[in-house]
């Protein structure tokens, strides 16, 4: 029987049930064949999609999510995780984010993490508080950096990255303080000498740091 190595690139955007049907038709999962003792590995790819392999991957861009003796349940994790819309939006703004971040000396992964948390790469996102665009800039922040069109991706990312640069310098590159200030404001961070005890801000910091770790793997 041939290897199933990397076969689940086919899983992107499809249900695992359909893929299994195709695999069975190809004879890869032939009836009566035992897979006892065989290991399977669930990997996350740079674009956010996931794949299953029966071999360990040496490519460091592929992040191991889970290994298992059985394949049961792995397909559901692949299907639930992959968000074609988010992955596409990251690609849409990749060059713009990288160019702007490099210009101001800001970590590309941090910019992506903030955008992902703030708007999920939706340039038309608007909050009930008046924050707008990819990086959810408030009008006063936009004005500070000379941004006049909050829904223009280039201008919005320019303002957001410059603000991150300002906060990074102010807090001596302590990411938790930088992220908290981006969400709750500098006054709140000063008052509590760190992350404010606001549930929203605490969740926000945790989420941005999680995405920062994710995007750092691929940058």
Foldseek 3Di string as FASTA:
>chain_A
DDFCAQVCVVLAPHAVVVSVVVCCVVVNPDPPDDLQQQKKWWWAALLFAITIGSDDDPPLRTHTDDMDSDPPPSRVVRNVRDDPVLSVLCVVCVVLLVVLCVVLVHDSLLLSLQLCLPPSNDLADADPVGQHGSNRHHPVLLVVVVQDDSSPNNSVSNSNSVLLSVLCVVVVNPLQQSQQCSPPNPVQCVVVVGRHPDPVSVVRSVSSVVSSVSNVSND
